[in-house]
Amino acid sequence: MGQVIQFVSKSERERIRLIQEARAIYDSIFPSADSAGSPQQKAIGSATGGDVGNLA
């Protein structure tokens, strides 16, 4: 009942999608030793409520 729904604009969803796509391409070319994810990915996830996969 006390759940807050945050509005995420279409342009913000597109920006997040492009960042994720670029990160995936970069990681496929330069695999990192840390498989848990970078601090930037964690920051993006927390900025969007942690559920970046269901923004569409």
Protein backbone atom coordinates (compact mmCIF):
# COMPACT_ATOMS: atom_id res chain seq x y z
CA MET A 1 0.00 0.00 0.00
CA GLY A 2 2.87 2.37 0.75
CA GLN A 3 4.65 1.63 -2.53
CA VAL A 4 5.90 4.65 -4.48
CA ILE A 5 5.97 4.48 -8.27
CA GLN A 6 8.65 6.60 -9.88
CA PHE A 7 8.06 8.04 -13.36
CA VAL A 8 10.88 7.34 -15.80
CA SER A 9 10.67 9.25 -19.06
CA LYS A 10 11.06 7.57 -22.42
CA SER A 11 14.31 9.44 -23.08
CA GLU A 12 15.72 8.29 -19.72
CA ARG A 13 14.80 4.66 -20.49
CA GLU A 14 16.50 4.98 -23.90
CA ARG A 15 19.60 6.52 -22.29
CA ILE A 16 19.81 3.65 -19.79
CA ARG A 17 19.31 1.08 -22.57
CA LEU A 18 22.10 2.63 -24.66
CA ILE A 19 24.44 2.70 -21.65
CA GLN A 20 23.72 -0.97 -20.94
CA GLU A 21 24.25 -1.90 -24.59
CA ALA A 22 27.55 0.01 -24.74
CA ARG A 23 28.69 -1.61 -21.46
CA ALA A 24 27.85 -5.09 -22.82
CA ILE A 25 29.83 -4.42 -26.00
CA TYR A 26 32.76 -3.04 -24.01
CA ASP A 27 32.71 -6.02 -21.62
CA SER A 28 32.63 -8.46 -24.53
CA ILE A 29 35.77 -6.82 -25.95
CA PHE A 30 37.55 -6.17 -22.63
CA PRO A 31 36.30 -8.73 -20.09
CA SER A 32 36.79 -7.59 -16.52
CA ALA A 33 38.19 -9.71 -13.72
CA ASP A 34 35.29 -8.57 -11.52
CA SER A 35 32.19 -10.47 -12.63
CA ALA A 36 29.96 -8.79 -10.00
CA GLY A 37 29.64 -5.61 -12.08
CA SER A 38 31.23 -2.22 -12.01
CA PRO A 39 30.31 0.55 -9.54
CA GLN A 40 28.77 2.47 -12.48
CA GLN A 41 26.35 -0.37 -13.24
CA LYS A 42 25.39 -0.55 -9.56
CA ALA A 43 24.81 3.21 -9.54
CA ILE A 44 22.60 3.00 -12.62
CA GLY A 45 20.61 0.18 -11.09
CA SER A 46 20.08 2.01 -7.81
CA ALA A 47 19.16 5.25 -9.62
CA THR A 48 16.34 3.46 -11.41
CA GLY A 49 15.12 1.49 -8.43
CA GLY A 50 17.30 -1.51 -9.14
CA ASP A 51 14.99 -3.00 -11.75
CA VAL A 52 16.59 -1.78 -14.96
CA GLY A 53 15.44 -4.77 -16.98
CA ASN A 54 11.74 -3.90 -16.82
CA LEU A 55 11.70 -0.28 -17.92
CA ALA A 56 9.92 -0.82 -21.23
